[in-house]
Amino acid sequence: MRLSSRAMGISPSPTLAVDARAKELASAGERIINFGVGEPDFDTPENIKEAAAQAMSRGMTKYTPVPGILELRKAICEKLFKDNGLEYQPGEIVVSCGAKHSLYNAIQVLVEEGDEVIVPAPYWVTYVEQIKLAGAKPVVIQTRPENGFKILPEDIVQALSPDTRLLILNTPSNPTGSVYTVAEIKALAEVLITAGIWVLSDEIYEKLIYDGARHTSIAAVSPEIKERTIVVNGVSKAYAMTGWRIGYAAAPAGVAKAMTGLQSHCTSNPDSIAQAAALEALRGPQQSLSTMVAAFAERREYILQRLDQVPGIKCGRPGGAFYVFPDVSAYFGRRLNHTTVASGTDLAALLLEEAKVAVVPGAAFGDDRFVRISYATSFENIKEGLNRIATVLCG
């Protein structure tokens, strides 16, 4: 059997692979503590589920316009203006089957074969694979922990070439939780405007932010950068709606039209019932979001305190999302439970098999000195999981 080089060149998602192995062990009777998947453990709020039920009852089960129903696109415009100071028209909004789908659409319509796309590392695992699917080259820039894992303007300047087409910016970041300040965003925008390249701004964790920080969309800092930016967001993380698969992109009209055309031949419209739920999420009560963020903030404090007590572990303080990204390289070369650890991948495998704790190796995000631990799980699981990790690492 011959498969396309496109298919053979794609690597499976390491986060989903970890989750699959964790579920395999759980089905065999093991009690697994899963720190692997980036999914809120909260249920979708009742008002949102009720809106979906009502949509079904009134027969909203047919095709919708490809870029989403008009009322939802209007609600997204309202949200972008209220939260981000961004003015868009419904014709500049494309609703898709999750933010991942929105990212895919944007990359496909902006990037040609042979183009280069700058990706700060650590990065979300899918960016690099989607760039490769478009026939383009990922140009990975390694950021530094001492700088909060943030890309600097000079990093972009050094990475530029005649083939540079796009920068992917993710704030708050998965996996590091880094949040860029207004000044940092403005400095990046100046370089990007001068270079004349596009920005794909992944803002899916926008609402999950701590310590009084504020999210700034790069599209909001000047009209010039807005004209070269595609803003991607969705309802999955903020409203515990991962399975509903609703994401959206805000882009200049020409780009939005091209994304709509592409989507029309891939998925047609996003799920009609989920669109009704997303409309309620954006326009309905927001108290559930505040409750969830407060819980995540409490878990973050606890997990940082516990990790600080483990010898050799170094972990920065994330400003957003629901992950910590500790440096575990102090354990490289050590023998733990009859296994010599040489990388974050080795340590993640050891923790899963010996401690029955699932974490994602940093290799998935471009730096195997680290592992990613999600605190989108219960306090009970966090405490038990950290106890198990400490037992394996400290004996």
Protein backbone atom coordinates (compact mmCIF):
# COMPACT_ATOMS: atom_id res chain seq x y z
CA MET A 1 0.00 0.00 0.00
CA ARG A 2 1.35 3.43 -0.96
CA LEU A 3 0.44 6.43 1.16
CA SER A 4 1.10 10.06 0.25
CA SER A 5 4.30 11.71 1.42
CA ARG A 6 2.03 14.27 3.05
CA ALA A 7 0.45 11.62 5.25
CA MET A 8 3.74 9.88 5.99
CA GLY A 9 5.39 13.12 7.03
CA ILE A 10 2.94 13.86 9.84
CA SER A 11 3.75 12.81 13.39
CA PRO A 12 0.90 11.64 15.64
CA SER A 13 -0.05 13.97 18.49
CA PRO A 14 2.14 13.06 21.51
CA THR A 15 -0.46 14.46 23.91
CA LEU A 16 -3.13 12.18 22.54
CA ALA A 17 -0.67 9.27 22.52
CA VAL A 18 -0.01 9.80 26.23
CA ASP A 19 -3.73 10.01 26.86
CA ALA A 20 -4.33 6.79 24.89
CA ARG A 21 -1.69 4.87 26.87
CA ALA A 22 -3.09 6.24 30.14
CA LYS A 23 -6.57 5.07 29.18
CA GLU A 24 -5.19 1.66 28.17
CA LEU A 25 -3.65 1.23 31.62
CA ALA A 26 -6.84 2.47 33.26
CA SER A 27 -8.92 -0.06 31.33
CA ALA A 28 -6.63 -2.76 32.70
CA GLY A 29 -7.59 -1.72 36.22
CA GLU A 30 -4.82 0.76 37.06
CA ARG A 31 -5.71 4.04 38.78
CA ILE A 32 -4.05 6.56 36.50
CA ILE A 33 -3.55 10.21 37.41
CA ASN A 34 -3.76 11.95 34.04
CA PHE A 35 -1.88 15.24 33.82
CA GLY A 36 -1.63 14.88 30.06
CA VAL A 37 -4.70 16.31 28.37
CA GLY A 38 -5.47 20.02 28.07
CA GLU A 39 -9.14 19.80 28.89
CA PRO A 40 -11.03 21.51 31.74
CA ASP A 41 -12.41 18.95 34.19
CA PHE A 42 -15.49 21.11 34.73
CA ASP A 43 -18.77 20.29 33.03
CA THR A 44 -20.20 22.57 30.36
CA PRO A 45 -22.45 25.10 32.15
CA GLU A 46 -26.13 24.17 32.28
CA ASN A 47 -27.35 27.27 30.42
CA ILE A 48 -25.16 26.34 27.48
CA LYS A 49 -26.39 22.75 27.40
CA GLU A 50 -29.97 23.98 27.66
CA ALA A 51 -29.43 26.30 24.68
CA ALA A 52 -28.29 23.28 22.65
CA ALA A 53 -31.32 21.26 23.73
CA GLN A 54 -33.65 24.09 22.74
CA ALA A 55 -31.91 24.37 19.36
CA MET A 56 -32.58 20.71 18.71
CA SER A 57 -36.20 21.05 19.80
CA ARG A 58 -36.85 23.85 17.35
CA GLY A 59 -35.24 21.90 14.50
CA MET A 60 -31.83 23.56 14.25
CA THR A 61 -30.38 20.36 12.82
CA LYS A 62 -29.75 21.37 9.20
CA TYR A 63 -26.87 22.90 7.29
CA THR A 64 -25.93 26.44 8.25
CA PRO A 65 -23.90 28.99 6.28
CA VAL A 66 -20.33 27.68 5.89
CA PRO A 67 -18.70 30.33 8.14
CA GLY A 68 -21.36 29.92 10.83
CA ILE A 69 -24.76 31.39 11.58
CA LEU A 70 -24.94 35.17 11.34
CA GLU A 71 -26.03 35.64 14.96
CA LEU A 72 -23.00 33.75 16.25
CA ARG A 73 -20.64 35.74 14.05
CA LYS A 74 -22.25 38.93 15.36
CA ALA A 75 -21.74 37.70 18.93
CA ILE A 76 -18.07 37.00 18.17
CA CYS A 77 -17.70 40.54 16.82
CA GLU A 78 -19.27 41.85 20.04
CA LYS A 79 -16.89 39.75 22.13
CA LEU A 80 -13.81 40.90 20.19
CA PHE A 81 -14.82 44.55 20.59
CA LYS A 82 -15.68 44.28 24.29
CA ASP A 83 -12.75 42.12 25.40
CA ASN A 84 -10.02 43.04 22.93
CA GLY A 85 -10.87 46.46 21.49
CA LEU A 86 -11.07 44.96 18.00
CA GLU A 87 -13.62 45.96 15.38
CA TYR A 88 -14.67 43.26 12.94
CA GLN A 89 -17.70 42.70 10.73
CA PRO A 90 -19.48 39.32 10.50
CA GLY A 91 -18.00 38.85 7.02
CA GLU A 92 -14.54 38.83 8.62
CA ILE A 93 -15.43 35.97 11.00
CA VAL A 94 -15.18 32.27 10.15
CA VAL A 95 -16.53 29.74 12.65
CA SER A 96 -14.93 26.31 12.36
CA CYS A 97 -14.85 22.85 13.96
CA GLY A 98 -12.60 23.91 16.82
CA ALA A 99 -9.71 26.37 17.03
CA LYS A 100 -7.40 23.69 15.61
CA HIS A 101 -9.52 23.72 12.46
CA SER A 102 -9.34 27.53 12.36
CA LEU A 103 -5.54 27.37 12.55
CA TYR A 104 -5.45 24.80 9.77
CA ASN A 105 -7.64 26.93 7.50
CA ALA A 106 -5.53 30.03 8.10
CA ILE A 107 -2.22 28.28 7.39
CA GLN A 108 -3.59 26.62 4.27
CA VAL A 109 -4.77 29.89 2.70
CA LEU A 110 -1.73 31.98 3.68
CA VAL A 111 1.21 29.67 3.12
CA GLU A 112 2.68 28.40 -0.15
CA GLU A 113 4.94 25.43 -0.81
CA GLY A 114 8.45 26.41 0.29
CA ASP A 115 7.40 29.32 2.52
CA GLU A 116 8.87 29.61 6.01
CA VAL A 117 6.82 29.99 9.19
CA ILE A 118 8.44 31.18 12.42
CA VAL A 119 7.38 29.16 15.45
CA PRO A 120 8.60 30.05 18.96
CA ALA A 121 9.46 26.98 21.04
CA PRO A 122 8.17 25.54 23.28
CA TYR A 123 5.18 25.37 20.96
CA TRP A 124 1.84 23.59 20.84
CA VAL A 125 2.42 20.29 19.08
CA THR A 126 0.04 20.88 16.15
CA TYR A 127 1.63 24.06 14.79
CA VAL A 128 4.62 22.32 13.24
CA GLU A 129 2.55 19.51 11.75
CA GLN A 130 0.05 21.92 10.17
CA ILE A 131 2.90 23.93 8.64
CA LYS A 132 4.32 20.74 7.14
CA LEU A 133 0.89 19.82 5.77
CA ALA A 134 0.94 23.09 3.82
CA GLY A 135 4.31 22.17 2.29
CA ALA A 136 6.04 24.93 4.24
CA LYS A 137 9.07 24.90 6.52
CA PRO A 138 8.79 25.48 10.27
CA VAL A 139 11.56 27.79 11.50
CA VAL A 140 11.71 27.06 15.21
CA ILE A 141 13.12 29.70 17.55
CA GLN A 142 14.08 28.38 20.96
CA THR A 143 12.98 30.76 23.70
CA ARG A 144 14.54 30.83 27.15
CA PRO A 145 13.13 30.15 30.63
CA GLU A 146 14.91 33.19 32.04
CA ASN A 147 12.92 35.31 29.59
CA GLY A 148 9.63 33.64 30.48
CA PHE A 149 9.73 31.56 27.27
CA LYS A 150 8.88 34.63 25.18
CA ILE A 151 10.16 35.39 21.71
CA LEU A 152 12.07 38.68 21.38
CA PRO A 153 12.03 41.12 18.45
CA GLU A 154 15.69 40.38 17.73
CA ASP A 155 14.90 36.67 17.56
CA ILE A 156 12.47 37.37 14.73
CA VAL A 157 14.96 39.60 12.91
CA GLN A 158 17.59 36.84 13.01
CA ALA A 159 15.13 34.25 11.72
CA LEU A 160 13.85 36.30 8.79
CA SER A 161 14.59 35.22 5.23
CA PRO A 162 13.12 36.09 1.82
CA ASP A 163 10.82 33.07 2.28
CA THR A 164 9.40 34.12 5.67
CA ARG A 165 5.63 34.36 5.39
CA LEU A 166 4.12 33.97 8.84
CA LEU A 167 4.74 34.04 12.59
CA ILE A 168 2.65 31.96 14.96
CA LEU A 169 2.12 33.69 18.31
CA ASN A 170 0.43 31.94 21.23
CA THR A 171 -0.44 33.94 24.34
CA PRO A 172 -1.28 32.69 26.92
CA SER A 173 0.97 29.86 25.87
CA ASN A 174 0.54 26.13 25.73
CA PRO A 175 2.69 24.58 27.21
CA THR A 176 4.49 27.26 29.24
CA GLY A 177 1.63 29.49 30.38
CA SER A 178 3.59 32.58 29.30
CA VAL A 179 1.60 35.80 28.88
CA TYR A 180 3.03 38.64 26.82
CA THR A 181 2.72 42.19 28.13
CA VAL A 182 1.41 45.10 26.05
CA ALA A 183 4.94 46.47 25.65
CA GLU A 184 6.25 43.10 24.50
CA ILE A 185 3.42 42.71 21.99
CA LYS A 186 4.00 46.21 20.59
CA ALA A 187 7.72 45.54 20.16
CA LEU A 188 6.97 42.36 18.21
CA ALA A 189 4.39 44.15 16.07
CA GLU A 190 6.89 46.82 15.01
CA VAL A 191 9.29 44.19 13.67
CA LEU A 192 6.54 42.25 11.93
CA ILE A 193 5.13 45.35 10.23
CA THR A 194 8.58 46.32 8.99
CA ALA A 195 9.19 42.80 7.71
CA GLY A 196 5.76 42.63 6.09
CA ILE A 197 4.89 39.17 7.38
CA TRP A 198 1.61 37.76 8.68
CA VAL A 199 0.78 36.84 12.25
CA LEU A 200 -1.39 33.92 13.30
CA SER A 201 -2.39 34.77 16.88
CA ASP A 202 -3.67 31.79 18.87
CA GLU A 203 -5.60 33.25 21.81
CA ILE A 204 -7.58 30.19 22.91
CA TYR A 205 -6.43 30.51 26.56
CA GLU A 206 -7.24 34.22 26.71
CA LYS A 207 -9.73 33.92 29.59
CA LEU A 208 -7.49 31.69 31.74
CA ILE A 209 -5.12 34.27 33.16
CA TYR A 210 -3.83 34.99 36.67
CA ASP A 211 -2.05 37.44 39.00
CA GLY A 212 -3.97 40.42 37.66
CA ALA A 213 -2.43 40.10 34.22
CA ARG A 214 -4.34 41.20 31.13
CA HIS A 215 -4.42 39.58 27.73
CA THR A 216 -3.44 41.74 24.77
CA SER A 217 -4.25 40.70 21.24
CA ILE A 218 -1.51 41.73 18.82
CA ALA A 219 -4.24 42.78 16.37
CA ALA A 220 -5.26 45.51 18.81
CA VAL A 221 -1.97 47.39 19.03
CA SER A 222 -2.18 49.13 15.64
CA PRO A 223 -4.28 49.19 12.46
CA GLU A 224 -1.21 48.17 10.45
CA ILE A 225 -0.64 44.90 12.33
CA LYS A 226 -4.38 44.15 12.42
CA GLU A 227 -4.36 44.06 8.63
CA ARG A 228 -1.73 41.31 8.77
CA THR A 229 -3.19 39.28 11.66
CA ILE A 230 -5.53 36.32 11.90
CA VAL A 231 -6.91 36.04 15.44
CA VAL A 232 -7.91 32.51 16.45
CA ASN A 233 -10.02 31.74 19.51
CA GLY A 234 -12.88 29.50 20.58
CA VAL A 235 -15.13 28.33 23.37
CA SER A 236 -13.38 25.06 24.27
CA LYS A 237 -11.16 26.18 27.14
CA ALA A 238 -13.06 29.13 28.60
CA TYR A 239 -16.43 27.38 28.77
CA ALA A 240 -15.38 23.73 29.21
CA MET A 241 -16.69 22.93 25.73
CA THR A 242 -13.83 20.92 24.23
CA GLY A 243 -16.13 18.28 22.75
CA TRP A 244 -18.48 20.79 21.13
CA ARG A 245 -15.77 21.70 18.59
CA ILE A 246 -16.37 25.38 17.98
CA GLY A 247 -13.49 27.70 17.20
CA TYR A 248 -13.34 30.87 15.17
CA ALA A 249 -11.01 33.14 13.27
CA ALA A 250 -11.16 36.90 12.76
CA ALA A 251 -9.27 38.06 9.69
CA PRO A 252 -9.20 40.65 6.91
CA ALA A 253 -12.12 40.09 4.56
CA GLY A 254 -10.06 38.57 1.75
CA VAL A 255 -8.48 36.02 4.06
CA ALA A 256 -11.82 35.19 5.71
CA LYS A 257 -13.37 34.64 2.28
CA ALA A 258 -10.56 32.27 1.31
CA MET A 259 -10.87 30.36 4.59
CA THR A 260 -14.61 30.03 4.04
CA GLY A 261 -14.02 28.66 0.55
CA LEU A 262 -11.55 26.10 1.84
CA GLN A 263 -13.86 25.06 4.66
CA SER A 264 -16.78 24.64 2.26
CA HIS A 265 -14.92 21.74 0.64
CA CYS A 266 -13.63 20.19 3.88
CA THR A 267 -16.35 20.20 6.53
CA SER A 268 -19.08 22.49 5.18
CA ASN A 269 -20.42 24.29 8.24
CA PRO A 270 -19.51 23.65 11.88
CA ASP A 271 -22.06 21.69 13.91
CA SER A 272 -25.37 23.57 13.97
CA ILE A 273 -26.34 22.62 17.53
CA ALA A 274 -22.88 23.45 18.88
CA GLN A 275 -23.17 26.88 17.27
CA ALA A 276 -26.32 27.54 19.30
CA ALA A 277 -24.44 26.48 22.43
CA ALA A 278 -21.51 28.76 21.56
CA LEU A 279 -23.87 31.69 21.08
CA GLU A 280 -25.18 31.18 24.60
CA ALA A 281 -21.65 30.83 25.93
CA LEU A 282 -20.66 34.22 24.54
CA ARG A 283 -23.85 36.11 25.36
CA GLY A 284 -25.05 34.30 28.47
CA PRO A 285 -23.97 34.50 32.14
CA GLN A 286 -20.21 34.41 32.70
CA GLN A 287 -20.09 33.38 36.37
CA SER A 288 -19.04 29.81 35.57
CA LEU A 289 -15.91 31.16 33.91
CA SER A 290 -14.94 33.14 37.02
CA THR A 291 -15.48 30.06 39.19
CA MET A 292 -13.32 27.92 36.93
CA VAL A 293 -10.48 30.45 36.75
CA ALA A 294 -10.46 30.79 40.55
CA ALA A 295 -10.19 27.01 40.90
CA PHE A 296 -7.35 26.85 38.37
CA ALA A 297 -5.51 29.64 40.20
CA GLU A 298 -5.73 27.73 43.49
CA ARG A 299 -4.48 24.53 41.88
CA ARG A 300 -1.63 26.42 40.23
CA GLU A 301 -0.41 27.75 43.57
CA TYR A 302 -0.48 24.30 45.12
CA ILE A 303 1.30 22.56 42.27
CA LEU A 304 4.04 25.20 42.15
CA GLN A 305 4.63 24.85 45.90
CA ARG A 306 4.83 21.07 45.66
CA LEU A 307 7.19 21.10 42.66
CA ASP A 308 9.45 23.57 44.47
CA GLN A 309 9.90 20.94 47.19
CA VAL A 310 11.20 18.29 44.75
CA PRO A 311 15.02 18.43 44.57
CA GLY A 312 16.32 19.31 41.11
CA ILE A 313 13.01 20.47 39.65
CA LYS A 314 12.95 24.02 38.28
CA CYS A 315 9.60 25.48 37.31
CA GLY A 316 8.67 28.99 36.20
CA ARG A 317 5.43 30.62 37.25
CA PRO A 318 2.87 30.45 34.44
CA GLY A 319 0.73 33.52 33.96
CA GLY A 320 -2.07 31.80 32.07
CA ALA A 321 -3.56 28.58 30.67
CA PHE A 322 -3.60 25.52 32.97
CA TYR A 323 -0.15 23.99 32.63
CA VAL A 324 3.18 24.02 34.40
CA PHE A 325 6.31 23.21 32.40
CA PRO A 326 9.03 22.10 34.82
CA ASP A 327 12.65 21.56 33.82
CA VAL A 328 13.50 17.95 34.75
CA SER A 329 17.00 17.84 33.23
CA ALA A 330 18.61 17.51 36.68
CA TYR A 331 17.47 13.87 36.56
CA PHE A 332 19.15 13.06 33.26
CA GLY A 333 21.79 10.41 33.69
CA ARG A 334 20.27 9.14 36.92
CA ARG A 335 19.00 5.62 37.40
CA LEU A 336 15.44 5.52 38.74
CA ASN A 337 13.57 2.25 39.29
CA HIS A 338 16.08 0.34 37.16
CA THR A 339 15.78 2.88 34.31
CA THR A 340 18.45 5.37 33.29
CA VAL A 341 16.77 8.66 32.45
CA ALA A 342 18.25 10.46 29.45
CA SER A 343 15.43 12.83 28.47
CA GLY A 344 12.04 14.21 29.34
CA THR A 345 10.59 11.48 27.15
CA ASP A 346 12.28 8.82 29.27
CA LEU A 347 11.06 10.42 32.48
CA ALA A 348 7.48 10.71 31.20
CA ALA A 349 7.50 7.03 30.23
CA LEU A 350 8.91 6.08 33.64
CA LEU A 351 6.27 8.11 35.51
CA LEU A 352 3.47 6.52 33.52
CA GLU A 353 4.63 2.94 33.93
CA GLU A 354 5.97 3.14 37.51
CA ALA A 355 3.93 5.90 39.18
CA LYS A 356 0.86 5.56 36.96
CA VAL A 357 1.00 9.32 36.35
CA ALA A 358 0.64 10.68 32.81
CA VAL A 359 2.62 13.79 31.85
CA VAL A 360 3.60 14.92 28.36
CA PRO A 361 7.32 14.94 27.47
CA GLY A 362 8.76 18.27 26.42
CA ALA A 363 9.87 16.78 23.11
CA ALA A 364 6.27 17.17 21.98
CA PHE A 365 6.70 20.93 22.40
CA GLY A 366 10.22 21.27 21.04
CA ASP A 367 12.31 20.98 24.23
CA ASP A 368 12.89 17.59 25.84
CA ARG A 369 14.44 19.03 28.99
CA PHE A 370 10.91 19.59 30.25
CA VAL A 371 7.60 17.86 30.84
CA ARG A 372 4.15 19.40 30.74
CA ILE A 373 1.77 18.89 33.65
CA SER A 374 -1.84 19.96 33.29
CA TYR A 375 -3.70 21.11 36.39
CA ALA A 376 -7.04 20.87 34.63
CA THR A 377 -7.94 18.06 36.99
CA SER A 378 -9.22 17.76 40.54
CA PHE A 379 -7.30 18.82 43.63
CA GLU A 380 -7.46 15.22 44.79
CA ASN A 381 -5.77 14.02 41.60
CA ILE A 382 -3.15 16.77 41.77
CA LYS A 383 -2.20 15.88 45.35
CA GLU A 384 -2.09 12.16 44.67
CA GLY A 385 -0.21 12.60 41.40
CA LEU A 386 2.46 14.82 42.94
CA ASN A 387 2.87 12.37 45.82
CA ARG A 388 3.52 9.61 43.31
CA ILE A 389 5.95 11.71 41.29
CA ALA A 390 7.88 12.64 44.43
CA THR A 391 8.09 8.96 45.42
CA VAL A 392 9.63 7.97 42.07
CA LEU A 393 12.04 10.93 41.89
CA CYS A 394 13.07 11.07 45.52
CA GLY A 395 12.81 7.39 46.51
